[in-house]
Amino acid sequence: MKKYSAEVQAFIKHNYIGTGHKEMADLLNKTFGMNYTKSQIKSYYGNHKMNSGLNGRFPKGHIPANKGKKGFHVPGSEKGWFKEGHMPINHKPVGSERIDSKDGYTLVKVAEPNKWMLKHRVIWEEKNGSVPKGYILTFLDGDKSNITLDNLALISMAESLEITRSKLRSSNPEFTKTGILIAKVKLTRNKKKRNGQYLTTDKEFKNNATDKI
């Protein structure tokens, strides 16, 4: 059975939403120097009841955040709607929202018959374009229900891992922004170390972090 260290498990927990089995395996292998396979990550997701949300299938029991109402509209999503008279009794129209009871993320239905996406990702991509591969969106105040552009930040998987490892997240958005900058500096420093470009002292490292903040 494949072993998963505490750091690997923390990385998966913070980044599995929106990340498929193969992409997660590739990220773990690159970040930790491991050799996980797609099937191993698929089994891990299944054993820990983790759903990336990429296949539109979520566990039973989800309750829409705006039950009985039509949620915000996703432009162009009308294509593929059921014709009148052919909708099942429990059909949810495009634009409906629901909360993932396990992770607390808000999902929005973007297309028929049953395609759902993370609401914060939809909002971000409408304004900024697609989230690049290897990157995720994080809530600056840690509140998954506070879905506004001002509360979202685009960070790399490596930055997310460093922020988690160094406990740089905060309920204060400004502190989290500072934490992201510190994580970026640490990763740059580590990269220079691997390339033989050492920063001379810890004081120099702290000065670099302060300058960037």
N, C-alpha and C. Protein backbone atom coordinates (compact mmCIF):
# COMPACT_ATOMS: atom_id res chain seq x y z
N MET A 1 0.84 -1.20 0.00
CA MET A 1 0.00 0.00 0.00
C MET A 1 0.88 1.25 0.00
N LYS A 2 0.55 2.19 -0.83
CA LYS A 2 1.35 3.41 -0.94
C LYS A 2 1.25 4.24 0.33
N LYS A 3 2.39 4.74 0.79
CA LYS A 3 2.41 5.56 1.98
C LYS A 3 2.22 7.03 1.63
N TYR A 4 1.51 7.72 2.49
CA TYR A 4 1.27 9.15 2.31
C TYR A 4 1.70 9.88 3.58
N SER A 5 2.74 10.70 3.45
CA SER A 5 3.22 11.44 4.61
C SER A 5 2.20 12.49 5.01
N ALA A 6 2.40 13.07 6.19
CA ALA A 6 1.49 14.11 6.67
C ALA A 6 1.48 15.30 5.72
N GLU A 7 2.66 15.66 5.19
CA GLU A 7 2.74 16.79 4.26
C GLU A 7 2.01 16.49 2.96
N VAL A 8 2.15 15.27 2.46
CA VAL A 8 1.46 14.88 1.23
C VAL A 8 -0.04 14.91 1.45
N GLN A 9 -0.50 14.39 2.58
CA GLN A 9 -1.93 14.39 2.87
C GLN A 9 -2.48 15.81 3.00
N ALA A 10 -1.70 16.70 3.62
CA ALA A 10 -2.13 18.09 3.76
C ALA A 10 -2.20 18.75 2.40
N PHE A 11 -1.25 18.44 1.53
CA PHE A 11 -1.24 19.01 0.18
C PHE A 11 -2.48 18.57 -0.59
N ILE A 12 -2.79 17.27 -0.52
CA ILE A 12 -3.97 16.75 -1.22
C ILE A 12 -5.24 17.39 -0.67
N LYS A 13 -5.33 17.50 0.64
CA LYS A 13 -6.54 18.05 1.28
C LYS A 13 -6.81 19.48 0.82
N HIS A 14 -5.76 20.28 0.68
CA HIS A 14 -5.94 21.69 0.34
C HIS A 14 -6.07 21.93 -1.17
N ASN A 15 -5.77 20.90 -1.98
CA ASN A 15 -5.70 21.15 -3.42
C ASN A 15 -6.51 20.20 -4.30
N TYR A 16 -7.25 19.24 -3.69
CA TYR A 16 -7.90 18.25 -4.54
C TYR A 16 -9.12 18.79 -5.29
N ILE A 17 -9.77 19.84 -4.75
CA ILE A 17 -10.92 20.41 -5.45
C ILE A 17 -10.45 20.99 -6.79
N GLY A 18 -11.04 20.50 -7.86
CA GLY A 18 -10.66 20.97 -9.19
C GLY A 18 -9.43 20.31 -9.76
N THR A 19 -8.86 19.34 -9.04
CA THR A 19 -7.65 18.66 -9.51
C THR A 19 -7.93 17.18 -9.70
N GLY A 20 -7.80 16.70 -10.93
CA GLY A 20 -8.06 15.31 -11.25
C GLY A 20 -6.98 14.37 -10.73
N HIS A 21 -7.23 13.07 -10.87
CA HIS A 21 -6.31 12.06 -10.33
C HIS A 21 -4.92 12.15 -10.97
N LYS A 22 -4.86 12.24 -12.29
CA LYS A 22 -3.56 12.26 -12.97
C LYS A 22 -2.81 13.55 -12.65
N GLU A 23 -3.53 14.68 -12.66
CA GLU A 23 -2.86 15.95 -12.38
C GLU A 23 -2.33 15.97 -10.96
N MET A 24 -3.11 15.43 -10.00
CA MET A 24 -2.63 15.40 -8.61
C MET A 24 -1.41 14.51 -8.49
N ALA A 25 -1.43 13.36 -9.16
CA ALA A 25 -0.26 12.46 -9.11
C ALA A 25 0.97 13.18 -9.66
N ASP A 26 0.81 13.87 -10.78
CA ASP A 26 1.93 14.60 -11.37
C ASP A 26 2.46 15.68 -10.43
N LEU A 27 1.53 16.40 -9.78
CA LEU A 27 1.93 17.48 -8.86
C LEU A 27 2.68 16.93 -7.65
N LEU A 28 2.17 15.82 -7.11
CA LEU A 28 2.83 15.21 -5.95
C LEU A 28 4.22 14.69 -6.32
N ASN A 29 4.31 14.08 -7.47
CA ASN A 29 5.60 13.54 -7.90
C ASN A 29 6.62 14.65 -8.12
N LYS A 30 6.16 15.76 -8.69
CA LYS A 30 7.05 16.89 -8.96
C LYS A 30 7.43 17.60 -7.67
N THR A 31 6.46 17.77 -6.77
CA THR A 31 6.69 18.53 -5.54
C THR A 31 7.48 17.74 -4.50
N PHE A 32 7.18 16.44 -4.39
CA PHE A 32 7.78 15.64 -3.33
C PHE A 32 8.79 14.60 -3.84
N GLY A 33 8.97 14.54 -5.16
CA GLY A 33 9.91 13.56 -5.69
C GLY A 33 9.43 12.13 -5.53
N MET A 34 8.13 11.92 -5.61
CA MET A 34 7.54 10.59 -5.45
C MET A 34 7.21 9.98 -6.81
N ASN A 35 6.55 8.84 -6.78
CA ASN A 35 6.17 8.17 -8.03
C ASN A 35 4.73 7.63 -7.94
N TYR A 36 3.82 8.49 -7.46
CA TYR A 36 2.42 8.10 -7.38
C TYR A 36 1.84 7.92 -8.78
N THR A 37 0.88 7.02 -8.88
CA THR A 37 0.20 6.79 -10.15
C THR A 37 -1.22 7.34 -10.07
N LYS A 38 -1.82 7.48 -11.23
CA LYS A 38 -3.20 7.97 -11.31
C LYS A 38 -4.14 7.07 -10.52
N SER A 39 -3.96 5.75 -10.63
CA SER A 39 -4.85 4.81 -9.94
C SER A 39 -4.69 4.90 -8.42
N GLN A 40 -3.48 5.16 -7.95
CA GLN A 40 -3.26 5.28 -6.51
C GLN A 40 -3.97 6.51 -5.95
N ILE A 41 -3.89 7.62 -6.70
CA ILE A 41 -4.56 8.84 -6.26
C ILE A 41 -6.08 8.67 -6.34
N LYS A 42 -6.53 7.96 -7.36
CA LYS A 42 -7.97 7.68 -7.48
C LYS A 42 -8.45 6.90 -6.26
N SER A 43 -7.67 5.91 -5.84
CA SER A 43 -8.03 5.12 -4.66
C SER A 43 -8.00 5.98 -3.40
N TYR A 44 -7.01 6.87 -3.31
CA TYR A 44 -6.90 7.75 -2.14
C TYR A 44 -8.12 8.66 -2.06
N TYR A 45 -8.49 9.26 -3.20
CA TYR A 45 -9.68 10.12 -3.23
C TYR A 45 -10.90 9.33 -2.75
N GLY A 46 -11.04 8.11 -3.28
CA GLY A 46 -12.20 7.30 -2.94
C GLY A 46 -12.23 6.91 -1.48
N ASN A 47 -11.08 6.50 -0.95
CA ASN A 47 -11.00 6.08 0.45
C ASN A 47 -11.27 7.22 1.42
N HIS A 48 -10.95 8.44 0.99
CA HIS A 48 -11.15 9.60 1.86
C HIS A 48 -12.38 10.43 1.46
N LYS A 49 -13.20 9.83 0.57
CA LYS A 49 -14.44 10.48 0.12
C LYS A 49 -14.19 11.89 -0.39
N MET A 50 -13.15 12.02 -1.21
CA MET A 50 -12.81 13.32 -1.81
C MET A 50 -13.30 13.36 -3.25
N ASN A 51 -14.04 14.38 -3.59
CA ASN A 51 -14.54 14.53 -4.95
C ASN A 51 -14.02 15.84 -5.52
N SER A 52 -13.27 15.77 -6.60
CA SER A 52 -12.68 16.98 -7.18
C SER A 52 -13.72 17.90 -7.78
N GLY A 53 -14.92 17.38 -8.07
CA GLY A 53 -15.96 18.20 -8.68
C GLY A 53 -15.86 18.27 -10.19
N LEU A 54 -14.91 17.53 -10.77
CA LEU A 54 -14.70 17.62 -12.21
C LEU A 54 -15.69 16.78 -13.01
N ASN A 55 -16.29 15.78 -12.38
CA ASN A 55 -17.21 14.92 -13.14
C ASN A 55 -18.67 15.25 -12.91
N GLY A 56 -18.95 16.26 -12.09
CA GLY A 56 -20.33 16.68 -11.89
C GLY A 56 -21.14 15.78 -10.99
N ARG A 57 -20.50 14.73 -10.42
CA ARG A 57 -21.24 13.82 -9.55
C ARG A 57 -20.82 14.03 -8.11
N PHE A 58 -21.77 14.36 -7.25
CA PHE A 58 -21.48 14.60 -5.85
C PHE A 58 -22.39 13.72 -4.98
N PRO A 59 -21.97 13.48 -3.75
CA PRO A 59 -22.77 12.60 -2.87
C PRO A 59 -24.17 13.12 -2.65
N LYS A 60 -25.08 12.20 -2.32
CA LYS A 60 -26.45 12.58 -2.03
C LYS A 60 -26.50 13.41 -0.75
N GLY A 61 -27.55 14.20 -0.63
CA GLY A 61 -27.72 14.96 0.59
C GLY A 61 -27.35 16.42 0.49
N HIS A 62 -26.82 16.84 -0.68
CA HIS A 62 -26.46 18.25 -0.85
C HIS A 62 -27.73 19.11 -0.87
N ILE A 63 -27.73 20.22 -0.19
CA ILE A 63 -28.88 21.12 -0.15
C ILE A 63 -28.52 22.41 -0.86
N PRO A 64 -29.27 22.83 -1.86
CA PRO A 64 -28.96 24.07 -2.57
C PRO A 64 -28.93 25.25 -1.61
N ALA A 65 -27.99 26.17 -1.83
CA ALA A 65 -27.88 27.35 -0.98
C ALA A 65 -29.09 28.26 -1.16
N ASN A 66 -29.71 28.19 -2.35
CA ASN A 66 -30.87 29.04 -2.61
C ASN A 66 -32.05 28.18 -3.06
N LYS A 67 -32.34 27.17 -2.26
CA LYS A 67 -33.41 26.22 -2.59
C LYS A 67 -34.69 26.95 -2.97
N GLY A 68 -35.25 26.56 -4.12
CA GLY A 68 -36.49 27.16 -4.59
C GLY A 68 -36.30 28.38 -5.44
N LYS A 69 -35.03 28.82 -5.57
CA LYS A 69 -34.74 30.00 -6.36
C LYS A 69 -33.71 29.67 -7.43
N LYS A 70 -33.71 30.46 -8.46
CA LYS A 70 -32.71 30.29 -9.49
C LYS A 70 -31.48 31.11 -9.11
N GLY A 71 -30.33 30.47 -9.09
CA GLY A 71 -29.10 31.15 -8.68
C GLY A 71 -28.60 32.08 -9.76
N PHE A 72 -27.35 32.55 -9.62
CA PHE A 72 -26.84 33.50 -10.60
C PHE A 72 -26.68 32.81 -11.94
N HIS A 73 -26.81 33.57 -12.99
CA HIS A 73 -26.84 33.05 -14.35
C HIS A 73 -25.45 32.96 -14.95
N VAL A 74 -25.16 31.84 -15.56
CA VAL A 74 -23.90 31.67 -16.27
C VAL A 74 -24.16 31.91 -17.75
N PRO A 75 -23.63 32.99 -18.33
CA PRO A 75 -23.90 33.32 -19.72
C PRO A 75 -23.60 32.16 -20.67
N GLY A 76 -24.54 31.92 -21.60
CA GLY A 76 -24.34 30.89 -22.60
C GLY A 76 -24.68 29.49 -22.12
N SER A 77 -25.19 29.39 -20.89
CA SER A 77 -25.44 28.06 -20.33
C SER A 77 -26.81 27.51 -20.67
N GLU A 78 -27.60 28.28 -21.41
CA GLU A 78 -28.95 27.82 -21.75
C GLU A 78 -28.92 26.60 -22.67
N LYS A 79 -27.85 26.45 -23.45
CA LYS A 79 -27.76 25.36 -24.41
C LYS A 79 -27.82 24.02 -23.67
N GLY A 80 -28.69 23.17 -24.12
CA GLY A 80 -28.78 21.84 -23.52
C GLY A 80 -29.81 21.74 -22.41
N TRP A 81 -30.52 22.82 -22.13
CA TRP A 81 -31.56 22.75 -21.11
C TRP A 81 -32.63 21.75 -21.55
N PHE A 82 -33.31 21.13 -20.57
CA PHE A 82 -34.41 20.23 -20.90
C PHE A 82 -35.57 21.03 -21.48
N LYS A 83 -36.24 20.44 -22.44
CA LYS A 83 -37.43 21.07 -22.98
C LYS A 83 -38.55 20.94 -21.97
N GLU A 84 -39.48 21.89 -22.01
CA GLU A 84 -40.61 21.88 -21.10
C GLU A 84 -41.38 20.58 -21.21
N GLY A 85 -41.68 20.00 -20.06
CA GLY A 85 -42.42 18.74 -20.06
C GLY A 85 -41.53 17.52 -19.97
N HIS A 86 -40.19 17.73 -20.03
CA HIS A 86 -39.26 16.61 -19.99
C HIS A 86 -38.31 16.70 -18.80
N MET A 87 -38.63 17.53 -17.83
CA MET A 87 -37.75 17.68 -16.68
C MET A 87 -38.15 16.73 -15.55
N PRO A 88 -37.18 16.04 -14.96
CA PRO A 88 -37.49 15.20 -13.80
C PRO A 88 -37.93 16.09 -12.64
N ILE A 89 -38.64 15.50 -11.69
CA ILE A 89 -39.21 16.29 -10.60
C ILE A 89 -38.15 16.95 -9.74
N ASN A 90 -36.97 16.33 -9.66
CA ASN A 90 -35.90 16.89 -8.83
C ASN A 90 -34.88 17.67 -9.66
N HIS A 91 -35.26 18.05 -10.85
CA HIS A 91 -34.33 18.77 -11.74
C HIS A 91 -33.98 20.14 -11.18
N LYS A 92 -32.70 20.49 -11.25
CA LYS A 92 -32.22 21.80 -10.82
C LYS A 92 -31.81 22.58 -12.07
N PRO A 93 -32.36 23.77 -12.27
CA PRO A 93 -32.03 24.55 -13.47
C PRO A 93 -30.59 25.07 -13.44
N VAL A 94 -30.06 25.36 -14.61
CA VAL A 94 -28.74 25.97 -14.70
C VAL A 94 -28.75 27.28 -13.91
N GLY A 95 -27.71 27.50 -13.14
CA GLY A 95 -27.65 28.67 -12.27
C GLY A 95 -27.98 28.35 -10.83
N SER A 96 -28.55 27.14 -10.57
CA SER A 96 -28.84 26.73 -9.20
C SER A 96 -27.54 26.54 -8.43
N GLU A 97 -27.60 26.70 -7.13
CA GLU A 97 -26.42 26.55 -6.29
C GLU A 97 -26.68 25.51 -5.21
N ARG A 98 -25.59 24.91 -4.73
CA ARG A 98 -25.68 23.99 -3.60
C ARG A 98 -24.34 24.00 -2.87
N ILE A 99 -24.36 23.54 -1.64
CA ILE A 99 -23.16 23.52 -0.81
C ILE A 99 -22.66 22.08 -0.70
N ASP A 100 -21.38 21.88 -0.93
CA ASP A 100 -20.78 20.57 -0.71
C ASP A 100 -20.72 20.36 0.80
N SER A 101 -21.51 19.42 1.29
CA SER A 101 -21.63 19.22 2.74
C SER A 101 -20.32 18.77 3.37
N LYS A 102 -19.42 18.18 2.60
CA LYS A 102 -18.16 17.70 3.16
C LYS A 102 -17.12 18.82 3.26
N ASP A 103 -17.05 19.67 2.23
CA ASP A 103 -15.98 20.66 2.17
C ASP A 103 -16.45 22.10 2.30
N GLY A 104 -17.75 22.31 2.18
CA GLY A 104 -18.28 23.65 2.38
C GLY A 104 -18.16 24.57 1.18
N TYR A 105 -17.71 24.06 0.04
CA TYR A 105 -17.61 24.89 -1.16
C TYR A 105 -18.99 25.06 -1.80
N THR A 106 -19.23 26.23 -2.36
CA THR A 106 -20.47 26.48 -3.08
C THR A 106 -20.29 26.06 -4.53
N LEU A 107 -21.23 25.27 -5.02
CA LEU A 107 -21.21 24.79 -6.40
C LEU A 107 -22.35 25.44 -7.16
N VAL A 108 -22.13 25.68 -8.43
CA VAL A 108 -23.17 26.25 -9.28
C VAL A 108 -23.33 25.39 -10.52
N LYS A 109 -24.57 25.16 -10.89
CA LYS A 109 -24.83 24.36 -12.08
C LYS A 109 -24.62 25.23 -13.32
N VAL A 110 -23.75 24.78 -14.22
CA VAL A 110 -23.39 25.59 -15.38
C VAL A 110 -23.91 25.04 -16.70
N ALA A 111 -24.36 23.79 -16.71
CA ALA A 111 -24.86 23.21 -17.96
C ALA A 111 -25.65 21.94 -17.67
N GLU A 112 -26.51 21.58 -18.59
CA GLU A 112 -27.26 20.34 -18.48
C GLU A 112 -26.44 19.19 -19.06
N PRO A 113 -26.66 17.96 -18.65
CA PRO A 113 -27.73 17.62 -17.72
C PRO A 113 -27.35 17.78 -16.24
N ASN A 114 -26.05 17.70 -15.93
CA ASN A 114 -25.70 17.75 -14.51
C ASN A 114 -24.26 18.20 -14.31
N LYS A 115 -23.90 19.30 -14.94
CA LYS A 115 -22.52 19.80 -14.81
C LYS A 115 -22.48 20.94 -13.80
N TRP A 116 -21.68 20.73 -12.75
CA TRP A 116 -21.53 21.71 -11.69
C TRP A 116 -20.08 22.16 -11.60
N MET A 117 -19.88 23.41 -11.21
CA MET A 117 -18.53 23.94 -11.03
C MET A 117 -18.47 24.71 -9.71
N LEU A 118 -17.25 24.90 -9.23
CA LEU A 118 -17.06 25.72 -8.05
C LEU A 118 -17.45 27.16 -8.38
N LYS A 119 -18.32 27.74 -7.57
CA LYS A 119 -18.82 29.09 -7.86
C LYS A 119 -17.69 30.12 -7.89
N HIS A 120 -16.77 30.01 -6.93
CA HIS A 120 -15.70 31.01 -6.88
C HIS A 120 -14.80 30.91 -8.12
N ARG A 121 -14.68 29.71 -8.67
CA ARG A 121 -13.87 29.55 -9.88
C ARG A 121 -14.58 30.16 -11.08
N VAL A 122 -15.90 29.96 -11.15
CA VAL A 122 -16.69 30.55 -12.23
C VAL A 122 -16.56 32.06 -12.22
N ILE A 123 -16.72 32.66 -11.03
CA ILE A 123 -16.64 34.11 -10.89
C ILE A 123 -15.24 34.61 -11.28
N TRP A 124 -14.22 33.92 -10.82
CA TRP A 124 -12.83 34.32 -11.13
C TRP A 124 -12.58 34.26 -12.64
N GLU A 125 -12.98 33.14 -13.26
CA GLU A 125 -12.66 32.94 -14.68
C GLU A 125 -13.46 33.87 -15.58
N GLU A 126 -14.64 34.30 -15.14
CA GLU A 126 -15.39 35.27 -15.93
C GLU A 126 -14.64 36.59 -16.03
N LYS A 127 -13.86 36.91 -15.00
CA LYS A 127 -13.13 38.17 -14.95
C LYS A 127 -11.68 38.03 -15.43
N ASN A 128 -11.04 36.92 -15.10
CA ASN A 128 -9.60 36.80 -15.32
C ASN A 128 -9.18 35.69 -16.29
N GLY A 129 -10.12 34.92 -16.78
CA GLY A 129 -9.75 33.82 -17.66
C GLY A 129 -9.48 32.56 -16.87
N SER A 130 -9.14 31.49 -17.57
CA SER A 130 -8.97 30.18 -16.95
C SER A 130 -7.85 30.16 -15.91
N VAL A 131 -8.05 29.37 -14.87
CA VAL A 131 -7.01 29.16 -13.87
C VAL A 131 -5.94 28.27 -14.50
N PRO A 132 -4.69 28.73 -14.53
CA PRO A 132 -3.62 27.94 -15.18
C PRO A 132 -3.42 26.60 -14.48
N LYS A 133 -2.94 25.63 -15.23
CA LYS A 133 -2.64 24.32 -14.67
C LYS A 133 -1.56 24.46 -13.60
N GLY A 134 -1.76 23.80 -12.48
CA GLY A 134 -0.79 23.89 -11.40
C GLY A 134 -1.08 25.01 -10.41
N TYR A 135 -2.19 25.73 -10.64
CA TYR A 135 -2.56 26.84 -9.76
C TYR A 135 -3.95 26.58 -9.18
N ILE A 136 -4.22 27.23 -8.05
CA ILE A 136 -5.54 27.13 -7.42
C ILE A 136 -5.96 28.51 -6.94
N LEU A 137 -7.22 28.62 -6.55
CA LEU A 137 -7.73 29.85 -5.95
C LEU A 137 -7.87 29.63 -4.46
N THR A 138 -7.44 30.60 -3.67
CA THR A 138 -7.56 30.49 -2.22
C THR A 138 -8.36 31.67 -1.68
N PHE A 139 -9.11 31.43 -0.60
CA PHE A 139 -9.89 32.49 0.03
C PHE A 139 -9.00 33.23 1.03
N LEU A 140 -8.81 34.50 0.83
CA LEU A 140 -7.88 35.27 1.66
C LEU A 140 -8.27 35.30 3.13
N ASP A 141 -9.58 35.28 3.42
CA ASP A 141 -9.99 35.31 4.82
C ASP A 141 -10.35 33.92 5.34
N GLY A 142 -10.15 32.90 4.49
CA GLY A 142 -10.43 31.53 4.90
C GLY A 142 -11.89 31.16 4.90
N ASP A 143 -12.76 32.08 4.51
CA ASP A 143 -14.21 31.84 4.52
C ASP A 143 -14.69 31.46 3.13
N LYS A 144 -15.03 30.20 2.94
CA LYS A 144 -15.44 29.70 1.63
C LYS A 144 -16.78 30.26 1.18
N SER A 145 -17.53 30.84 2.11
CA SER A 145 -18.83 31.40 1.73
C SER A 145 -18.70 32.86 1.30
N ASN A 146 -17.54 33.46 1.52
CA ASN A 146 -17.30 34.85 1.13
C ASN A 146 -16.74 34.86 -0.29
N ILE A 147 -17.62 34.67 -1.25
CA ILE A 147 -17.20 34.49 -2.64
C ILE A 147 -17.25 35.82 -3.38
N THR A 148 -16.16 36.56 -3.29
CA THR A 148 -16.00 37.81 -4.01
C THR A 148 -14.60 37.83 -4.62
N LEU A 149 -14.43 38.58 -5.69
CA LEU A 149 -13.12 38.66 -6.33
C LEU A 149 -12.07 39.20 -5.38
N ASP A 150 -12.45 40.15 -4.53
CA ASP A 150 -11.49 40.74 -3.59
C ASP A 150 -10.99 39.74 -2.56
N ASN A 151 -11.75 38.67 -2.36
CA ASN A 151 -11.38 37.67 -1.35
C ASN A 151 -10.68 36.46 -1.95
N LEU A 152 -10.38 36.53 -3.24
CA LEU A 152 -9.73 35.41 -3.92
C LEU A 152 -8.32 35.77 -4.36
N ALA A 153 -7.43 34.79 -4.29
CA ALA A 153 -6.06 34.99 -4.75
C ALA A 153 -5.63 33.75 -5.53
N LEU A 154 -4.94 33.96 -6.62
CA LEU A 154 -4.42 32.87 -7.44
C LEU A 154 -3.02 32.53 -6.96
N ILE A 155 -2.82 31.29 -6.53
CA ILE A 155 -1.50 30.86 -6.06
C ILE A 155 -1.15 29.51 -6.68
N SER A 156 0.13 29.21 -6.73
CA SER A 156 0.57 27.92 -7.27
C SER A 156 0.38 26.84 -6.22
N MET A 157 0.39 25.57 -6.67
CA MET A 157 0.28 24.46 -5.73
C MET A 157 1.44 24.48 -4.74
N ALA A 158 2.64 24.82 -5.23
CA ALA A 158 3.82 24.87 -4.37
C ALA A 158 3.66 25.95 -3.30
N GLU A 159 3.10 27.09 -3.70
CA GLU A 159 2.86 28.17 -2.75
C GLU A 159 1.83 27.76 -1.71
N SER A 160 0.79 27.05 -2.15
CA SER A 160 -0.23 26.56 -1.22
C SER A 160 0.38 25.63 -0.19
N LEU A 161 1.27 24.75 -0.66
CA LEU A 161 1.93 23.82 0.26
C LEU A 161 2.78 24.57 1.27
N GLU A 162 3.54 25.56 0.81
CA GLU A 162 4.41 26.33 1.71
C GLU A 162 3.59 27.14 2.71
N ILE A 163 2.48 27.71 2.25
CA ILE A 163 1.60 28.47 3.14
C ILE A 163 1.04 27.58 4.23
N THR A 164 0.65 26.35 3.86
CA THR A 164 0.13 25.39 4.83
C THR A 164 1.23 24.95 5.78
N ARG A 165 2.37 24.60 5.23
CA ARG A 165 3.48 24.09 6.04
C ARG A 165 3.97 25.14 7.04
N SER A 166 4.02 26.39 6.62
CA SER A 166 4.53 27.47 7.47
C SER A 166 3.43 28.20 8.24
N LYS A 167 2.20 27.70 8.12
CA LYS A 167 1.04 28.28 8.83
C LYS A 167 0.92 29.79 8.57
N LEU A 168 0.85 30.12 7.29
CA LEU A 168 0.81 31.52 6.88
C LEU A 168 -0.59 32.00 6.51
N ARG A 169 -1.60 31.12 6.67
CA ARG A 169 -2.97 31.53 6.40
C ARG A 169 -3.55 32.24 7.61
N SER A 170 -4.47 33.17 7.37
CA SER A 170 -5.08 33.94 8.45
C SER A 170 -6.50 34.31 8.07
N SER A 171 -7.31 34.62 9.08
CA SER A 171 -8.66 35.11 8.81
C SER A 171 -8.63 36.57 8.39
N ASN A 172 -7.47 37.20 8.55
CA ASN A 172 -7.28 38.58 8.11
C ASN A 172 -6.70 38.56 6.69
N PRO A 173 -7.44 39.02 5.69
CA PRO A 173 -6.98 38.97 4.30
C PRO A 173 -5.60 39.59 4.08
N GLU A 174 -5.32 40.70 4.77
CA GLU A 174 -4.03 41.36 4.59
C GLU A 174 -2.89 40.49 5.11
N PHE A 175 -3.12 39.78 6.20
CA PHE A 175 -2.10 38.89 6.74
C PHE A 175 -1.85 37.74 5.78
N THR A 176 -2.93 37.22 5.18
CA THR A 176 -2.78 36.12 4.23
C THR A 176 -2.02 36.58 3.00
N LYS A 177 -2.29 37.80 2.54
CA LYS A 177 -1.54 38.34 1.40
C LYS A 177 -0.05 38.40 1.72
N THR A 178 0.27 38.83 2.95
CA THR A 178 1.66 38.86 3.38
C THR A 178 2.24 37.45 3.41
N GLY A 179 1.43 36.50 3.90
CA GLY A 179 1.86 35.11 3.95
C GLY A 179 2.18 34.57 2.57
N ILE A 180 1.38 34.95 1.57
CA ILE A 180 1.63 34.51 0.19
C ILE A 180 2.96 35.05 -0.30
N LEU A 181 3.24 36.31 0.00
CA LEU A 181 4.51 36.90 -0.42
C LEU A 181 5.69 36.21 0.26
N ILE A 182 5.52 35.91 1.54
CA ILE A 182 6.59 35.20 2.26
C ILE A 182 6.83 33.83 1.64
N ALA A 183 5.73 33.14 1.29
CA ALA A 183 5.86 31.81 0.66
C ALA A 183 6.60 31.91 -0.66
N LYS A 184 6.30 32.96 -1.44
CA LYS A 184 6.98 33.15 -2.72
C LYS A 184 8.49 33.34 -2.51
N VAL A 185 8.85 34.14 -1.48
CA VAL A 185 10.26 34.39 -1.20
C VAL A 185 10.96 33.10 -0.77
N LYS A 186 10.29 32.32 0.09
CA LYS A 186 10.87 31.06 0.55
C LYS A 186 11.11 30.10 -0.60
N LEU A 187 10.15 30.02 -1.50
CA LEU A 187 10.29 29.12 -2.65
C LEU A 187 11.42 29.58 -3.55
N THR A 188 11.54 30.90 -3.74
CA THR A 188 12.64 31.43 -4.56
C THR A 188 13.98 31.11 -3.90
N ARG A 189 14.02 31.26 -2.60
CA ARG A 189 15.26 30.96 -1.86
C ARG A 189 15.63 29.49 -2.01
N ASN A 190 14.63 28.60 -1.84
CA ASN A 190 14.89 27.17 -1.96
C ASN A 190 15.36 26.80 -3.36
N LYS A 191 14.78 27.46 -4.37
CA LYS A 191 15.18 27.19 -5.74
C LYS A 191 16.64 27.60 -5.96
N LYS A 192 17.02 28.74 -5.39
CA LYS A 192 18.40 29.20 -5.51
C LYS A 192 19.35 28.24 -4.81
N LYS A 193 18.91 27.70 -3.69
CA LYS A 193 19.73 26.72 -2.98
C LYS A 193 19.98 25.50 -3.86
N ARG A 194 18.89 25.01 -4.48
CA ARG A 194 19.03 23.82 -5.32
C ARG A 194 19.95 24.09 -6.51
N ASN A 195 19.96 25.34 -6.96
CA ASN A 195 20.80 25.71 -8.10
C ASN A 195 22.19 26.17 -7.68
N GLY A 196 22.47 26.08 -6.36
CA GLY A 196 23.78 26.47 -5.88
C GLY A 196 23.95 27.96 -5.67
N GLN A 197 22.84 28.72 -5.72
CA GLN A 197 22.90 30.16 -5.52
C GLN A 197 22.41 30.47 -4.11
N TYR A 198 23.27 30.29 -3.13
CA TYR A 198 22.87 30.43 -1.74
C TYR A 198 22.78 31.89 -1.33
N LEU A 199 21.73 32.20 -0.57
CA LEU A 199 21.69 33.48 0.10
C LEU A 199 22.64 33.39 1.29
N THR A 200 23.41 34.41 1.54
CA THR A 200 24.51 34.30 2.50
C THR A 200 24.07 34.10 3.95
N THR A 201 23.01 34.76 4.37
CA THR A 201 22.59 34.66 5.77
C THR A 201 21.08 34.66 5.88
N ASP A 202 20.59 34.23 7.06
CA ASP A 202 19.15 34.30 7.32
C ASP A 202 18.69 35.74 7.34
N LYS A 203 19.58 36.65 7.78
CA LYS A 203 19.23 38.06 7.81
C LYS A 203 18.94 38.56 6.41
N GLU A 204 19.75 38.11 5.45
CA GLU A 204 19.52 38.52 4.05
C GLU A 204 18.19 38.01 3.56
N PHE A 205 17.83 36.76 3.96
CA PHE A 205 16.54 36.20 3.56
C PHE A 205 15.39 37.04 4.12
N LYS A 206 15.49 37.41 5.40
CA LYS A 206 14.44 38.21 6.02
C LYS A 206 14.32 39.58 5.37
N ASN A 207 15.47 40.15 5.02
CA ASN A 207 15.45 41.45 4.35
C ASN A 207 14.77 41.35 3.00
N ASN A 208 15.04 40.26 2.26
CA ASN A 208 14.40 40.06 0.96
C ASN A 208 12.89 39.96 1.12
N ALA A 209 12.46 39.20 2.14
CA ALA A 209 11.02 39.05 2.37
C ALA A 209 10.39 40.38 2.72
N THR A 210 11.07 41.16 3.56
CA THR A 210 10.55 42.46 3.95
C THR A 210 10.45 43.40 2.78
N ASP A 211 11.45 43.38 1.91
CA ASP A 211 11.45 44.25 0.73
C ASP A 211 10.27 43.94 -0.16
N LYS A 212 9.95 42.65 -0.32
CA LYS A 212 8.87 42.26 -1.21
C LYS A 212 7.50 42.59 -0.62
N ILE A 213 7.43 42.62 0.71
CA ILE A 213 6.16 42.91 1.39
C ILE A 213 5.91 44.41 1.40
